[in-house]
C-alpha cells in the first residue's frame, strides 16, 4: 500500500509496544479505520522518521501509544492534527472504541469550545457527551469513569 491519506497515524516504541500495537491495528482496520502502521506501510530501506511528518500532515489524528515518540506529538500540533494518547494496557477493544469515537468526532462540525471541569466525574460526563479535548488521555478517562461509578 502506498502512502496516502490516513485516519490515524500510530506513534509507538517498536521495542516495547509491538505486540499490543499489532492487536490494536488489526482491531482498528477491522473497524474500517485507515491506519498508518510503519510495519505495514514502509518499503525496504525506508525509515519511519523520514516519512512521518508528511504522513502526519495528511492524517486525521495521531495516536500516541503509551509514551510513543515525542516528536510525533509536536508534528501533529504543527500540522493542526488531533493528538490522542492511549494506554495500551487497557486492551485493544477499549482503545479501538475510544479512538474510533474520537475520529467520528473529527468528522462532525467542531463542538463549542467549552473547557472541561477539573472534577473527574464532570470530566467523564463531558468526554462521554462528545466534548473531547485536543488530547484525550485514556487513563484519565478510566479514572473518571471509576469515580463516576463510585458516585452512581
N, C-alpha and C. Protein backbone atom coordinates (compact mmCIF):
# COMPACT_ATOMS: atom_id res chain seq x y z
N UNK A 1 0.84 -1.17 0.00
CA UNK A 1 0.00 0.00 0.00
C UNK A 1 0.90 1.24 0.00
N UNK A 2 0.66 2.15 -0.90
CA UNK A 2 1.47 3.36 -0.95
C UNK A 2 0.96 4.36 0.08
N UNK A 3 1.80 5.34 0.41
CA UNK A 3 1.42 6.35 1.38
C UNK A 3 0.30 7.20 0.79
N UNK A 4 -0.77 7.36 1.55
CA UNK A 4 -1.93 8.15 1.14
C UNK A 4 -2.53 8.77 2.38
N UNK A 5 -3.68 9.37 2.27
CA UNK A 5 -4.34 9.96 3.44
C UNK A 5 -4.79 8.84 4.38
N UNK A 6 -4.58 9.07 5.66
CA UNK A 6 -4.94 8.08 6.68
C UNK A 6 -5.83 8.71 7.73
N UNK A 7 -6.62 7.88 8.40
CA UNK A 7 -7.41 8.33 9.53
C UNK A 7 -6.52 8.51 10.75
N UNK A 8 -5.57 7.60 10.90
CA UNK A 8 -4.79 7.54 12.14
C UNK A 8 -3.34 7.19 11.85
N UNK A 9 -2.44 7.99 12.38
CA UNK A 9 -1.01 7.71 12.36
C UNK A 9 -0.66 7.17 13.73
N UNK A 10 -0.05 5.98 13.80
CA UNK A 10 0.30 5.39 15.10
C UNK A 10 1.74 5.71 15.46
N UNK A 11 1.92 6.24 16.66
CA UNK A 11 3.24 6.52 17.21
C UNK A 11 3.45 5.57 18.38
N UNK A 12 4.50 4.78 18.29
CA UNK A 12 4.75 3.77 19.32
C UNK A 12 6.23 3.45 19.35
N UNK A 13 6.66 2.79 20.41
CA UNK A 13 8.04 2.34 20.54
C UNK A 13 8.08 0.87 20.12
N UNK A 14 8.65 0.57 18.95
CA UNK A 14 8.63 -0.81 18.45
C UNK A 14 9.21 -1.84 19.42
N UNK A 15 10.27 -1.49 20.11
CA UNK A 15 10.90 -2.45 21.00
C UNK A 15 10.02 -2.82 22.19
N UNK A 16 9.15 -1.88 22.60
CA UNK A 16 8.34 -2.11 23.79
C UNK A 16 6.89 -2.43 23.49
N UNK A 17 6.33 -1.84 22.47
CA UNK A 17 4.88 -1.87 22.26
C UNK A 17 4.39 -2.77 21.13
N UNK A 18 5.25 -3.50 20.45
CA UNK A 18 4.87 -4.15 19.20
C UNK A 18 3.65 -5.09 19.32
N UNK A 19 3.64 -6.01 20.25
CA UNK A 19 2.53 -6.97 20.33
C UNK A 19 1.18 -6.29 20.56
N UNK A 20 1.04 -5.40 21.55
CA UNK A 20 -0.25 -4.75 21.72
C UNK A 20 -0.61 -3.81 20.57
N UNK A 21 0.38 -3.21 19.93
CA UNK A 21 0.10 -2.32 18.80
C UNK A 21 -0.45 -3.11 17.62
N UNK A 22 0.12 -4.27 17.35
CA UNK A 22 -0.38 -5.11 16.25
C UNK A 22 -1.83 -5.50 16.51
N UNK A 23 -2.16 -5.87 17.74
CA UNK A 23 -3.56 -6.20 18.09
C UNK A 23 -4.47 -5.01 17.86
N UNK A 24 -4.02 -3.82 18.28
CA UNK A 24 -4.81 -2.60 18.11
C UNK A 24 -5.00 -2.29 16.63
N UNK A 25 -3.94 -2.40 15.85
CA UNK A 25 -4.04 -2.11 14.41
C UNK A 25 -5.03 -3.06 13.74
N UNK A 26 -4.97 -4.32 14.07
CA UNK A 26 -5.91 -5.28 13.48
C UNK A 26 -7.35 -4.94 13.86
N UNK A 27 -7.55 -4.55 15.10
CA UNK A 27 -8.89 -4.18 15.57
C UNK A 27 -9.38 -2.92 14.86
N UNK A 28 -8.50 -1.93 14.72
CA UNK A 28 -8.87 -0.68 14.05
C UNK A 28 -9.17 -0.90 12.56
N UNK A 29 -8.33 -1.66 11.89
CA UNK A 29 -8.58 -1.90 10.46
C UNK A 29 -9.86 -2.71 10.27
N UNK A 30 -10.17 -3.58 11.22
CA UNK A 30 -11.44 -4.31 11.17
C UNK A 30 -12.63 -3.38 11.34
N UNK A 31 -12.40 -2.23 11.97
CA UNK A 31 -13.45 -1.23 12.16
C UNK A 31 -13.42 -0.18 11.03
N UNK A 32 -12.71 -0.51 9.95
CA UNK A 32 -12.62 0.36 8.76
C UNK A 32 -11.86 1.65 9.00
N UNK A 33 -10.96 1.67 9.96
CA UNK A 33 -10.11 2.83 10.20
C UNK A 33 -8.85 2.66 9.36
N UNK A 34 -8.52 3.70 8.59
CA UNK A 34 -7.31 3.66 7.76
C UNK A 34 -6.13 4.07 8.63
N UNK A 35 -5.33 3.08 9.01
CA UNK A 35 -4.23 3.27 9.96
C UNK A 35 -2.89 3.25 9.22
N UNK A 36 -2.05 4.24 9.54
CA UNK A 36 -0.68 4.19 9.05
C UNK A 36 0.14 3.51 10.12
N UNK A 37 0.57 2.30 9.80
CA UNK A 37 1.34 1.46 10.71
C UNK A 37 2.66 1.16 10.01
N UNK A 38 3.74 1.67 10.56
CA UNK A 38 5.03 1.61 9.87
C UNK A 38 5.42 0.20 9.44
N UNK A 39 5.06 -0.78 10.25
CA UNK A 39 5.42 -2.16 9.91
C UNK A 39 4.77 -2.62 8.61
N UNK A 40 3.64 -2.05 8.25
CA UNK A 40 2.92 -2.45 7.04
C UNK A 40 3.09 -1.48 5.89
N UNK A 41 3.42 -0.23 6.18
CA UNK A 41 3.42 0.80 5.16
C UNK A 41 4.78 1.09 4.55
N UNK A 42 5.84 0.88 5.28
CA UNK A 42 7.17 1.23 4.78
C UNK A 42 7.72 0.18 3.82
N UNK A 43 8.38 0.67 2.79
CA UNK A 43 9.04 -0.22 1.85
C UNK A 43 10.44 -0.53 2.35
N UNK A 44 11.14 -1.43 1.65
CA UNK A 44 12.52 -1.78 2.04
C UNK A 44 13.40 -0.53 2.06
N UNK A 45 14.15 -0.38 3.13
CA UNK A 45 15.09 0.72 3.25
C UNK A 45 14.47 2.03 3.72
N UNK A 46 13.14 2.13 3.79
CA UNK A 46 12.52 3.36 4.27
C UNK A 46 12.62 3.44 5.79
N UNK A 47 12.82 4.64 6.28
CA UNK A 47 12.93 4.88 7.71
C UNK A 47 11.68 5.65 8.15
N UNK A 48 11.02 5.18 9.23
CA UNK A 48 9.78 5.83 9.66
C UNK A 48 9.90 7.34 9.82
N UNK A 49 10.98 7.81 10.42
CA UNK A 49 11.12 9.23 10.69
C UNK A 49 11.26 10.06 9.41
N UNK A 50 11.67 9.43 8.32
CA UNK A 50 11.81 10.17 7.06
C UNK A 50 10.46 10.49 6.43
N UNK A 51 9.43 9.72 6.74
CA UNK A 51 8.11 9.93 6.14
C UNK A 51 7.07 10.40 7.16
N UNK A 52 7.40 10.35 8.44
CA UNK A 52 6.43 10.63 9.49
C UNK A 52 5.77 12.00 9.35
N UNK A 53 6.54 13.05 9.16
CA UNK A 53 5.97 14.39 9.09
C UNK A 53 4.97 14.50 7.94
N UNK A 54 5.33 13.96 6.80
CA UNK A 54 4.44 14.00 5.64
C UNK A 54 3.14 13.24 5.89
N UNK A 55 3.26 12.06 6.47
CA UNK A 55 2.06 11.24 6.73
C UNK A 55 1.20 11.89 7.80
N UNK A 56 1.83 12.41 8.84
CA UNK A 56 1.07 13.09 9.90
C UNK A 56 0.28 14.25 9.33
N UNK A 57 0.88 15.00 8.42
CA UNK A 57 0.19 16.16 7.86
C UNK A 57 -1.03 15.76 7.04
N UNK A 58 -1.08 14.50 6.60
CA UNK A 58 -2.20 14.03 5.80
C UNK A 58 -3.06 13.01 6.55
N UNK A 59 -2.98 13.05 7.88
CA UNK A 59 -3.77 12.16 8.73
C UNK A 59 -4.78 12.96 9.52
N UNK A 60 -5.88 12.30 9.88
CA UNK A 60 -6.90 12.95 10.70
C UNK A 60 -6.42 13.12 12.13
N UNK A 61 -5.71 12.12 12.65
CA UNK A 61 -5.25 12.16 14.04
C UNK A 61 -3.96 11.36 14.18
N UNK A 62 -3.25 11.66 15.25
CA UNK A 62 -2.06 10.90 15.63
C UNK A 62 -2.38 10.21 16.94
N UNK A 63 -2.15 8.91 16.99
CA UNK A 63 -2.36 8.15 18.21
C UNK A 63 -1.00 7.89 18.85
N UNK A 64 -0.80 8.41 20.05
CA UNK A 64 0.44 8.17 20.80
C UNK A 64 0.18 6.98 21.72
N UNK A 65 0.76 5.85 21.38
CA UNK A 65 0.59 4.62 22.18
C UNK A 65 1.60 4.63 23.31
N UNK A 66 1.09 4.53 24.54
CA UNK A 66 1.92 4.64 25.74
C UNK A 66 2.72 5.93 25.64
N UNK A 67 4.03 5.88 25.66
CA UNK A 67 4.82 7.12 25.56
C UNK A 67 4.99 7.54 24.12
N UNK A 68 4.94 6.60 23.18
CA UNK A 68 5.10 6.93 21.77
C UNK A 68 6.41 7.63 21.49
N UNK A 69 6.41 8.44 20.47
CA UNK A 69 7.61 9.18 20.08
C UNK A 69 7.26 10.66 20.18
N UNK A 70 7.96 11.36 21.04
CA UNK A 70 7.61 12.74 21.39
C UNK A 70 7.50 13.66 20.19
N UNK A 71 8.38 13.54 19.21
CA UNK A 71 8.32 14.47 18.09
C UNK A 71 7.09 14.24 17.20
N UNK A 72 6.42 13.10 17.32
CA UNK A 72 5.19 12.89 16.56
C UNK A 72 4.07 13.78 17.12
N UNK A 73 4.04 13.96 18.42
CA UNK A 73 3.04 14.86 19.02
C UNK A 73 3.32 16.29 18.59
N UNK A 74 4.58 16.67 18.53
CA UNK A 74 4.94 18.02 18.09
C UNK A 74 4.56 18.23 16.63
N UNK A 75 4.79 17.23 15.79
CA UNK A 75 4.43 17.33 14.37
C UNK A 75 2.91 17.44 14.22
N UNK A 76 2.17 16.68 15.02
CA UNK A 76 0.71 16.76 14.97
C UNK A 76 0.25 18.18 15.30
N UNK A 77 0.82 18.75 16.34
CA UNK A 77 0.46 20.11 16.74
C UNK A 77 0.82 21.10 15.63
N UNK A 78 1.98 20.94 15.03
CA UNK A 78 2.42 21.85 13.98
C UNK A 78 1.49 21.81 12.77
N UNK A 79 0.90 20.66 12.50
CA UNK A 79 0.01 20.50 11.35
C UNK A 79 -1.46 20.66 11.72
N UNK A 80 -1.75 20.94 12.98
CA UNK A 80 -3.14 21.09 13.40
C UNK A 80 -3.90 19.78 13.40
N UNK A 81 -3.19 18.69 13.65
CA UNK A 81 -3.78 17.35 13.67
C UNK A 81 -4.04 16.95 15.12
N UNK A 82 -5.21 16.41 15.39
CA UNK A 82 -5.54 15.98 16.75
C UNK A 82 -4.57 14.90 17.20
N UNK A 83 -4.17 15.00 18.46
CA UNK A 83 -3.26 14.02 19.05
C UNK A 83 -4.00 13.31 20.18
N UNK A 84 -4.04 11.99 20.12
CA UNK A 84 -4.78 11.19 21.08
C UNK A 84 -3.81 10.22 21.74
N UNK A 85 -3.72 10.27 23.06
CA UNK A 85 -2.83 9.37 23.79
C UNK A 85 -3.64 8.19 24.30
N UNK A 86 -3.10 6.99 24.16
CA UNK A 86 -3.77 5.80 24.68
C UNK A 86 -2.80 4.98 25.52
N UNK A 87 -3.36 4.30 26.49
CA UNK A 87 -2.61 3.38 27.33
C UNK A 87 -2.95 1.97 26.84
N UNK A 88 -2.00 1.33 26.21
CA UNK A 88 -2.25 0.01 25.60
C UNK A 88 -2.61 -1.07 26.61
N UNK A 89 -2.33 -0.84 27.89
CA UNK A 89 -2.69 -1.85 28.89
C UNK A 89 -4.20 -1.97 29.07
N UNK A 90 -4.97 -1.00 28.53
CA UNK A 90 -6.42 -1.08 28.61
C UNK A 90 -7.00 -2.11 27.65
N UNK A 91 -6.19 -2.57 26.70
CA UNK A 91 -6.64 -3.58 25.74
C UNK A 91 -7.07 -2.95 24.43
N UNK A 92 -6.97 -3.76 23.37
CA UNK A 92 -7.26 -3.22 22.04
C UNK A 92 -8.73 -2.85 21.84
N UNK A 93 -9.65 -3.56 22.48
CA UNK A 93 -11.07 -3.23 22.30
C UNK A 93 -11.40 -1.85 22.87
N UNK A 94 -10.93 -1.58 24.09
CA UNK A 94 -11.18 -0.28 24.72
C UNK A 94 -10.50 0.83 23.93
N UNK A 95 -9.24 0.63 23.59
CA UNK A 95 -8.50 1.65 22.83
C UNK A 95 -9.16 1.89 21.47
N UNK A 96 -9.58 0.84 20.80
CA UNK A 96 -10.23 0.97 19.49
C UNK A 96 -11.53 1.76 19.61
N UNK A 97 -12.33 1.44 20.62
CA UNK A 97 -13.60 2.14 20.80
C UNK A 97 -13.38 3.63 21.04
N UNK A 98 -12.42 3.96 21.88
CA UNK A 98 -12.15 5.36 22.18
C UNK A 98 -11.55 6.09 20.97
N UNK A 99 -10.69 5.42 20.23
CA UNK A 99 -10.09 6.05 19.04
C UNK A 99 -11.12 6.27 17.94
N UNK A 100 -11.97 5.28 17.70
CA UNK A 100 -12.98 5.45 16.65
C UNK A 100 -13.98 6.54 17.04
N UNK A 101 -14.29 6.66 18.34
CA UNK A 101 -15.18 7.73 18.79
C UNK A 101 -14.53 9.09 18.56
N UNK A 102 -13.24 9.20 18.84
CA UNK A 102 -12.54 10.46 18.62
C UNK A 102 -12.48 10.80 17.14
N UNK A 103 -12.26 9.79 16.29
CA UNK A 103 -12.23 10.04 14.85
C UNK A 103 -13.61 10.45 14.33
N UNK A 104 -14.65 9.82 14.86
CA UNK A 104 -16.01 10.20 14.45
C UNK A 104 -16.28 11.65 14.84
N UNK A 105 -15.80 12.05 15.98
CA UNK A 105 -15.97 13.42 16.44
C UNK A 105 -15.27 14.39 15.49
N UNK A 106 -14.13 14.00 14.94
CA UNK A 106 -13.40 14.84 13.99
C UNK A 106 -14.21 15.07 12.72
N UNK A 107 -15.04 14.11 12.36
CA UNK A 107 -15.83 14.22 11.14
C UNK A 107 -17.03 15.16 11.30
N UNK A 108 -17.41 15.44 12.56
CA UNK A 108 -18.54 16.33 12.83
C UNK A 108 -18.06 17.77 12.89
N UNK A 109 -18.99 18.72 12.76
CA UNK A 109 -18.61 20.13 12.96
C UNK A 109 -18.06 20.31 14.37
N UNK A 110 -17.15 21.23 14.52
CA UNK A 110 -16.49 21.45 15.82
C UNK A 110 -17.52 21.80 16.89
N UNK A 111 -17.37 21.18 18.05
CA UNK A 111 -18.25 21.48 19.19
C UNK A 111 -17.83 22.82 19.78
N UNK A 112 -18.71 23.39 20.57
CA UNK A 112 -18.36 24.67 21.20
C UNK A 112 -17.14 24.47 22.07
N UNK A 113 -16.32 25.47 22.11
CA UNK A 113 -15.06 25.38 22.86
C UNK A 113 -15.32 25.64 24.33
N UNK A 114 -15.83 24.64 25.02
CA UNK A 114 -16.11 24.75 26.45
C UNK A 114 -15.02 23.99 27.19
N UNK A 115 -14.39 24.61 28.12
CA UNK A 115 -13.31 23.93 28.83
C UNK A 115 -13.91 22.89 29.77
N UNK A 116 -13.22 21.78 29.88
CA UNK A 116 -13.69 20.71 30.76
C UNK A 116 -13.35 21.06 32.20
N UNK A 117 -14.24 20.72 33.10
CA UNK A 117 -14.01 20.97 34.51
C UNK A 117 -12.99 19.98 35.05
N UNK A 118 -12.32 20.37 36.11
CA UNK A 118 -11.28 19.52 36.69
C UNK A 118 -11.86 18.34 37.48
N UNK A 119 -13.11 18.45 37.92
CA UNK A 119 -13.75 17.38 38.67
C UNK A 119 -13.77 16.11 37.81
N UNK A 120 -13.25 14.98 38.30
CA UNK A 120 -13.17 13.78 37.46
C UNK A 120 -14.53 13.26 36.99
N UNK A 121 -15.56 13.39 37.82
CA UNK A 121 -16.89 12.93 37.42
C UNK A 121 -17.41 13.80 36.28
N UNK A 122 -17.30 15.12 36.43
CA UNK A 122 -17.77 16.03 35.39
C UNK A 122 -16.95 15.84 34.11
N UNK A 123 -15.66 15.59 34.26
CA UNK A 123 -14.78 15.36 33.11
C UNK A 123 -15.24 14.13 32.33
N UNK A 124 -15.55 13.05 33.04
CA UNK A 124 -16.01 11.82 32.37
C UNK A 124 -17.32 12.07 31.64
N UNK A 125 -18.23 12.77 32.28
CA UNK A 125 -19.52 13.06 31.66
C UNK A 125 -19.32 13.89 30.39
N UNK A 126 -18.46 14.90 30.46
CA UNK A 126 -18.19 15.75 29.30
C UNK A 126 -17.56 14.96 28.16
N UNK A 127 -16.62 14.08 28.48
CA UNK A 127 -15.97 13.28 27.45
C UNK A 127 -17.00 12.35 26.80
N UNK A 128 -17.83 11.71 27.62
CA UNK A 128 -18.82 10.79 27.08
C UNK A 128 -19.88 11.51 26.25
N UNK A 129 -20.15 12.77 26.54
CA UNK A 129 -21.09 13.56 25.75
C UNK A 129 -20.48 13.98 24.42
N UNK A 130 -19.20 13.76 24.24
CA UNK A 130 -18.56 14.13 22.99
C UNK A 130 -17.82 15.44 23.03
N UNK A 131 -17.70 16.03 24.19
CA UNK A 131 -16.93 17.27 24.32
C UNK A 131 -15.48 16.89 24.57
N UNK A 132 -14.82 16.44 23.50
CA UNK A 132 -13.48 15.89 23.60
C UNK A 132 -12.41 16.97 23.56
N UNK A 133 -11.43 16.90 24.43
CA UNK A 133 -10.32 17.85 24.35
C UNK A 133 -9.40 17.47 23.19
N UNK A 134 -8.45 18.36 22.87
CA UNK A 134 -7.50 18.07 21.81
C UNK A 134 -6.67 16.84 22.13
N UNK A 135 -6.38 16.63 23.40
CA UNK A 135 -5.58 15.48 23.81
C UNK A 135 -6.42 14.66 24.77
N UNK A 136 -6.73 13.46 24.38
CA UNK A 136 -7.53 12.57 25.22
C UNK A 136 -6.55 11.60 25.89
N UNK A 137 -6.46 11.66 27.18
CA UNK A 137 -5.59 10.75 27.90
C UNK A 137 -6.49 9.67 28.49
N UNK A 138 -6.37 8.49 27.96
CA UNK A 138 -7.29 7.40 28.28
C UNK A 138 -7.24 7.04 29.76
N UNK A 139 -6.08 7.09 30.37
CA UNK A 139 -6.01 6.77 31.80
C UNK A 139 -6.89 7.72 32.60
N UNK A 140 -6.90 9.01 32.24
CA UNK A 140 -7.74 9.97 32.93
C UNK A 140 -9.21 9.62 32.77
N UNK A 141 -9.60 9.19 31.58
CA UNK A 141 -10.99 8.81 31.34
C UNK A 141 -11.37 7.62 32.21
N UNK A 142 -10.51 6.62 32.27
CA UNK A 142 -10.80 5.45 33.08
C UNK A 142 -10.91 5.84 34.55
N UNK A 143 -10.00 6.69 35.02
CA UNK A 143 -10.05 7.15 36.41
C UNK A 143 -11.36 7.90 36.65
N UNK A 144 -11.76 8.73 35.71
CA UNK A 144 -13.01 9.48 35.85
C UNK A 144 -14.22 8.56 35.87
N UNK A 145 -14.19 7.54 35.01
CA UNK A 145 -15.31 6.60 34.98
C UNK A 145 -15.40 5.80 36.28
N UNK A 146 -14.25 5.46 36.87
CA UNK A 146 -14.26 4.76 38.15
C UNK A 146 -14.85 5.66 39.23
N UNK A 147 -14.48 6.95 39.19
CA UNK A 147 -15.04 7.89 40.16
C UNK A 147 -16.53 8.02 39.97
N UNK A 148 -16.98 8.06 38.72
CA UNK A 148 -18.41 8.16 38.41
C UNK A 148 -19.15 6.94 38.95
N UNK A 149 -18.55 5.76 38.80
CA UNK A 149 -19.17 4.53 39.28
C UNK A 149 -19.34 4.55 40.81
N UNK A 150 -18.36 5.12 41.50
CA UNK A 150 -18.42 5.21 42.95
C UNK A 150 -19.56 6.11 43.40
N UNK A 151 -19.86 7.16 42.63
CA UNK A 151 -20.91 8.10 43.00
C UNK A 151 -22.27 7.69 42.46
N UNK A 152 -22.29 6.70 41.54
CA UNK A 152 -23.54 6.35 40.87
C UNK A 152 -24.21 5.19 41.48
